[in-house]
């Protein structure tokens, strides 16, 4: 199962709203593709790369367009999407909520 945290959902909404100012159609497309990119992570959780700033095997990222989708492997079949950030933004680790 792939679960998006409230934080990641809020970031996705922010991305949608920002892009929609210029193109609602493109905003929908990008948002949907970001979500679809996470489909199947529970079957192949190590698809993404380790997040260099963390260097933890359980925290990985997928890339799509200009965005990084950060996720944590909680168990063999449970993945939690932690954040969606623009690749040019500095990753603030303290701003990514993670349950221990």
N, C-alpha and C. Protein backbone atom coordinates (compact mmCIF):
# COMPACT_ATOMS: atom_id res chain seq x y z
N UNK A 1 0.84 -1.18 0.00
CA UNK A 1 0.00 0.00 0.00
C UNK A 1 0.89 1.25 0.00
N UNK A 2 0.50 2.21 -0.79
CA UNK A 2 1.20 3.49 -0.84
C UNK A 2 0.28 4.54 -0.23
N UNK A 3 0.77 5.21 0.82
CA UNK A 3 -0.01 6.24 1.51
C UNK A 3 0.72 7.58 1.41
N UNK A 4 -0.03 8.59 1.05
CA UNK A 4 0.53 9.94 1.01
C UNK A 4 0.28 10.62 2.35
N UNK A 5 1.31 11.22 2.93
CA UNK A 5 1.14 11.96 4.17
C UNK A 5 0.36 13.25 3.88
N UNK A 6 -0.20 13.83 4.91
CA UNK A 6 -0.91 15.11 4.77
C UNK A 6 0.05 16.18 4.22
N UNK A 7 1.29 16.13 4.66
CA UNK A 7 2.31 17.08 4.21
C UNK A 7 2.53 16.96 2.70
N UNK A 8 2.68 15.73 2.22
CA UNK A 8 2.90 15.51 0.79
C UNK A 8 1.67 15.92 -0.03
N UNK A 9 0.49 15.64 0.48
CA UNK A 9 -0.74 16.05 -0.22
C UNK A 9 -0.84 17.57 -0.31
N UNK A 10 -0.46 18.25 0.76
CA UNK A 10 -0.49 19.71 0.77
C UNK A 10 0.49 20.27 -0.25
N UNK A 11 1.65 19.66 -0.35
CA UNK A 11 2.64 20.11 -1.33
C UNK A 11 2.14 19.88 -2.76
N UNK A 12 1.48 18.75 -2.98
CA UNK A 12 0.91 18.46 -4.30
C UNK A 12 -0.16 19.49 -4.66
N UNK A 13 -1.01 19.86 -3.70
CA UNK A 13 -2.02 20.90 -3.94
C UNK A 13 -1.35 22.25 -4.27
N UNK A 14 -0.28 22.55 -3.56
CA UNK A 14 0.45 23.80 -3.81
C UNK A 14 1.02 23.81 -5.23
N UNK A 15 1.59 22.70 -5.66
CA UNK A 15 2.13 22.58 -7.02
C UNK A 15 1.01 22.77 -8.04
N UNK A 16 -0.11 22.10 -7.80
CA UNK A 16 -1.26 22.23 -8.70
C UNK A 16 -1.69 23.70 -8.79
N UNK A 17 -1.88 24.34 -7.65
CA UNK A 17 -2.35 25.74 -7.63
C UNK A 17 -1.38 26.68 -8.33
N UNK A 18 -0.10 26.45 -8.15
CA UNK A 18 0.92 27.30 -8.77
C UNK A 18 0.87 27.16 -10.29
N UNK A 19 0.84 25.92 -10.78
CA UNK A 19 0.83 25.69 -12.23
C UNK A 19 -0.51 26.15 -12.82
N UNK A 20 -1.59 25.96 -12.10
CA UNK A 20 -2.93 26.31 -12.59
C UNK A 20 -3.10 27.80 -12.85
N UNK A 21 -2.27 28.62 -12.24
CA UNK A 21 -2.34 30.06 -12.51
C UNK A 21 -2.12 30.34 -14.00
N UNK A 22 -1.28 29.51 -14.63
CA UNK A 22 -1.00 29.66 -16.06
C UNK A 22 -1.76 28.66 -16.92
N UNK A 23 -1.93 27.44 -16.40
CA UNK A 23 -2.57 26.40 -17.21
C UNK A 23 -3.24 25.34 -16.34
N UNK A 24 -4.53 25.45 -16.13
CA UNK A 24 -5.24 24.42 -15.35
C UNK A 24 -5.09 23.02 -15.96
N UNK A 25 -5.06 22.95 -17.27
CA UNK A 25 -4.90 21.65 -17.93
C UNK A 25 -3.55 21.02 -17.59
N UNK A 26 -2.49 21.80 -17.70
CA UNK A 26 -1.16 21.29 -17.39
C UNK A 26 -1.03 20.98 -15.90
N UNK A 27 -1.66 21.78 -15.06
CA UNK A 27 -1.63 21.54 -13.61
C UNK A 27 -2.24 20.18 -13.28
N UNK A 28 -3.36 19.88 -13.92
CA UNK A 28 -4.00 18.58 -13.71
C UNK A 28 -3.10 17.46 -14.19
N UNK A 29 -2.52 17.63 -15.35
CA UNK A 29 -1.65 16.60 -15.92
C UNK A 29 -0.45 16.32 -15.02
N UNK A 30 0.22 17.37 -14.58
CA UNK A 30 1.41 17.20 -13.74
C UNK A 30 1.03 16.54 -12.41
N UNK A 31 -0.04 17.01 -11.79
CA UNK A 31 -0.47 16.45 -10.50
C UNK A 31 -0.81 14.97 -10.63
N UNK A 32 -1.56 14.63 -11.66
CA UNK A 32 -1.93 13.23 -11.87
C UNK A 32 -0.71 12.36 -12.13
N UNK A 33 0.23 12.86 -12.91
CA UNK A 33 1.43 12.08 -13.21
C UNK A 33 2.32 11.91 -11.98
N UNK A 34 2.36 12.91 -11.11
CA UNK A 34 3.13 12.77 -9.87
C UNK A 34 2.54 11.66 -9.01
N UNK A 35 1.23 11.62 -8.91
CA UNK A 35 0.57 10.57 -8.13
C UNK A 35 0.79 9.21 -8.79
N UNK A 36 0.60 9.15 -10.11
CA UNK A 36 0.76 7.88 -10.82
C UNK A 36 2.18 7.34 -10.72
N UNK A 37 3.14 8.21 -10.60
CA UNK A 37 4.55 7.79 -10.49
C UNK A 37 4.75 6.91 -9.25
N UNK A 38 3.91 7.09 -8.24
CA UNK A 38 4.06 6.33 -7.00
C UNK A 38 3.32 4.99 -7.03
N UNK A 39 2.50 4.78 -8.07
CA UNK A 39 1.78 3.51 -8.18
C UNK A 39 2.80 2.38 -8.33
N UNK A 40 2.60 1.31 -7.61
CA UNK A 40 3.48 0.16 -7.71
C UNK A 40 4.69 0.20 -6.81
N UNK A 41 4.86 1.29 -6.06
CA UNK A 41 6.01 1.35 -5.15
C UNK A 41 5.93 0.27 -4.08
N UNK A 42 4.72 -0.14 -3.71
CA UNK A 42 4.60 -1.18 -2.71
C UNK A 42 5.06 -2.54 -3.25
N UNK A 43 5.09 -2.67 -4.58
CA UNK A 43 5.58 -3.91 -5.18
C UNK A 43 7.07 -3.85 -5.49
N UNK A 44 7.55 -2.66 -5.84
CA UNK A 44 8.98 -2.46 -6.15
C UNK A 44 9.48 -1.23 -5.37
N UNK A 45 9.60 -1.36 -4.06
CA UNK A 45 9.91 -0.18 -3.23
C UNK A 45 11.29 0.43 -3.45
N UNK A 46 12.22 -0.32 -3.97
CA UNK A 46 13.57 0.21 -4.15
C UNK A 46 13.80 0.76 -5.55
N UNK A 47 12.69 1.08 -6.24
CA UNK A 47 12.77 1.65 -7.57
C UNK A 47 13.52 2.98 -7.56
N UNK A 48 13.26 3.79 -6.56
CA UNK A 48 13.87 5.11 -6.48
C UNK A 48 15.29 5.07 -5.96
N UNK A 49 15.93 6.22 -6.02
CA UNK A 49 17.30 6.37 -5.52
C UNK A 49 17.28 6.82 -4.06
N UNK A 50 18.35 6.54 -3.34
CA UNK A 50 18.49 7.07 -1.98
C UNK A 50 18.51 8.59 -2.05
N UNK A 51 17.92 9.22 -1.04
CA UNK A 51 17.95 10.68 -0.95
C UNK A 51 19.35 11.06 -0.45
N UNK A 52 20.14 11.74 -1.27
CA UNK A 52 21.53 12.03 -0.90
C UNK A 52 21.68 12.78 0.43
N UNK A 53 20.74 13.68 0.71
CA UNK A 53 20.84 14.47 1.94
C UNK A 53 20.66 13.61 3.19
N UNK A 54 20.00 12.47 3.05
CA UNK A 54 19.74 11.60 4.20
C UNK A 54 20.65 10.37 4.22
N UNK A 55 20.90 9.81 3.03
CA UNK A 55 21.70 8.60 2.89
C UNK A 55 21.18 7.46 3.77
N UNK A 56 19.86 7.32 3.80
CA UNK A 56 19.21 6.21 4.50
C UNK A 56 18.61 5.30 3.45
N UNK A 57 18.81 4.01 3.60
CA UNK A 57 18.31 3.07 2.59
C UNK A 57 16.79 3.09 2.49
N UNK A 58 16.10 3.39 3.57
CA UNK A 58 14.64 3.35 3.57
C UNK A 58 13.99 4.60 2.99
N UNK A 59 14.73 5.68 2.87
CA UNK A 59 14.16 6.92 2.33
C UNK A 59 14.72 7.13 0.93
N UNK A 60 13.80 7.16 -0.02
CA UNK A 60 14.19 7.20 -1.43
C UNK A 60 13.41 8.27 -2.17
N UNK A 61 13.77 8.46 -3.42
CA UNK A 61 13.09 9.47 -4.22
C UNK A 61 12.92 9.01 -5.66
N UNK A 62 11.82 9.48 -6.23
CA UNK A 62 11.56 9.35 -7.65
C UNK A 62 11.59 10.75 -8.23
N UNK A 63 11.92 10.87 -9.49
CA UNK A 63 11.94 12.18 -10.12
C UNK A 63 11.00 12.21 -11.31
N UNK A 64 10.29 13.32 -11.41
CA UNK A 64 9.40 13.53 -12.54
C UNK A 64 9.38 15.02 -12.83
N UNK A 65 9.63 15.37 -14.08
CA UNK A 65 9.73 16.77 -14.47
C UNK A 65 10.75 17.46 -13.57
N UNK A 66 10.35 18.51 -12.90
CA UNK A 66 11.27 19.25 -12.02
C UNK A 66 11.05 18.92 -10.55
N UNK A 67 10.44 17.77 -10.27
CA UNK A 67 10.06 17.45 -8.90
C UNK A 67 10.71 16.18 -8.39
N UNK A 68 10.91 16.18 -7.09
CA UNK A 68 11.40 15.01 -6.36
C UNK A 68 10.27 14.50 -5.46
N UNK A 69 9.95 13.23 -5.60
CA UNK A 69 8.93 12.60 -4.76
C UNK A 69 9.67 11.77 -3.73
N UNK A 70 9.68 12.23 -2.49
CA UNK A 70 10.38 11.52 -1.42
C UNK A 70 9.45 10.55 -0.73
N UNK A 71 9.92 9.34 -0.52
CA UNK A 71 9.10 8.33 0.15
C UNK A 71 9.95 7.48 1.08
N UNK A 72 9.27 6.86 2.03
CA UNK A 72 9.94 6.01 3.01
C UNK A 72 9.37 4.60 2.93
N UNK A 73 10.25 3.63 2.90
CA UNK A 73 9.84 2.24 2.92
C UNK A 73 9.62 1.86 4.38
N UNK A 74 8.35 1.69 4.75
CA UNK A 74 8.00 1.35 6.13
C UNK A 74 8.07 -0.15 6.36
N UNK A 75 7.67 -0.94 5.36
CA UNK A 75 7.76 -2.40 5.40
C UNK A 75 7.78 -2.87 3.96
N UNK A 76 7.82 -4.17 3.76
CA UNK A 76 7.91 -4.69 2.40
C UNK A 76 6.76 -4.25 1.50
N UNK A 77 5.59 -4.01 2.08
CA UNK A 77 4.46 -3.63 1.25
C UNK A 77 3.75 -2.36 1.73
N UNK A 78 4.44 -1.53 2.49
CA UNK A 78 3.86 -0.26 2.94
C UNK A 78 4.85 0.87 2.70
N UNK A 79 4.44 1.79 1.84
CA UNK A 79 5.27 2.93 1.46
C UNK A 79 4.54 4.21 1.87
N UNK A 80 5.30 5.15 2.42
CA UNK A 80 4.71 6.44 2.80
C UNK A 80 5.39 7.54 2.00
N UNK A 81 4.59 8.27 1.21
CA UNK A 81 5.12 9.41 0.46
C UNK A 81 5.24 10.57 1.44
N UNK A 82 6.46 11.08 1.59
CA UNK A 82 6.76 12.09 2.59
C UNK A 82 6.65 13.52 2.08
N UNK A 83 7.07 13.74 0.83
CA UNK A 83 7.12 15.10 0.32
C UNK A 83 7.24 15.10 -1.21
N UNK A 84 6.83 16.21 -1.79
CA UNK A 84 7.04 16.47 -3.22
C UNK A 84 7.63 17.86 -3.29
N UNK A 85 8.87 17.96 -3.75
CA UNK A 85 9.54 19.26 -3.77
C UNK A 85 10.16 19.51 -5.13
N UNK A 86 10.31 20.78 -5.46
CA UNK A 86 10.99 21.16 -6.69
C UNK A 86 12.47 20.82 -6.54
N UNK A 87 13.06 20.32 -7.59
CA UNK A 87 14.46 19.86 -7.49
C UNK A 87 15.45 21.00 -7.23
N UNK A 88 15.06 22.23 -7.51
CA UNK A 88 15.98 23.35 -7.25
C UNK A 88 15.87 23.90 -5.83
N UNK A 89 14.85 23.46 -5.11
CA UNK A 89 14.70 23.92 -3.72
C UNK A 89 15.63 23.14 -2.82
N UNK A 90 16.16 23.82 -1.85
CA UNK A 90 17.00 23.17 -0.85
C UNK A 90 16.11 22.28 0.02
N UNK A 91 16.52 21.06 0.20
CA UNK A 91 15.73 20.12 1.00
C UNK A 91 15.96 20.40 2.48
N UNK A 92 14.91 20.85 3.15
CA UNK A 92 14.95 21.12 4.58
C UNK A 92 14.48 19.87 5.31
N UNK A 93 15.39 19.10 5.84
CA UNK A 93 15.04 17.81 6.45
C UNK A 93 14.09 17.96 7.62
N UNK A 94 14.22 19.04 8.37
CA UNK A 94 13.33 19.22 9.52
C UNK A 94 11.90 19.55 9.10
N UNK A 95 11.70 19.89 7.82
CA UNK A 95 10.36 20.20 7.33
C UNK A 95 9.68 18.99 6.69
N UNK A 96 10.31 17.83 6.80
CA UNK A 96 9.69 16.62 6.27
C UNK A 96 9.28 15.75 7.46
N UNK A 97 7.98 15.75 7.74
CA UNK A 97 7.52 14.98 8.90
C UNK A 97 7.68 13.46 8.67
N UNK A 98 8.31 12.81 9.64
CA UNK A 98 8.49 11.36 9.57
C UNK A 98 8.15 10.79 10.91
N UNK A 99 7.36 9.71 10.87
CA UNK A 99 7.07 8.98 12.11
C UNK A 99 8.16 7.96 12.34
N UNK A 100 8.55 7.81 13.55
CA UNK A 100 9.61 6.84 13.86
C UNK A 100 9.05 5.54 14.33
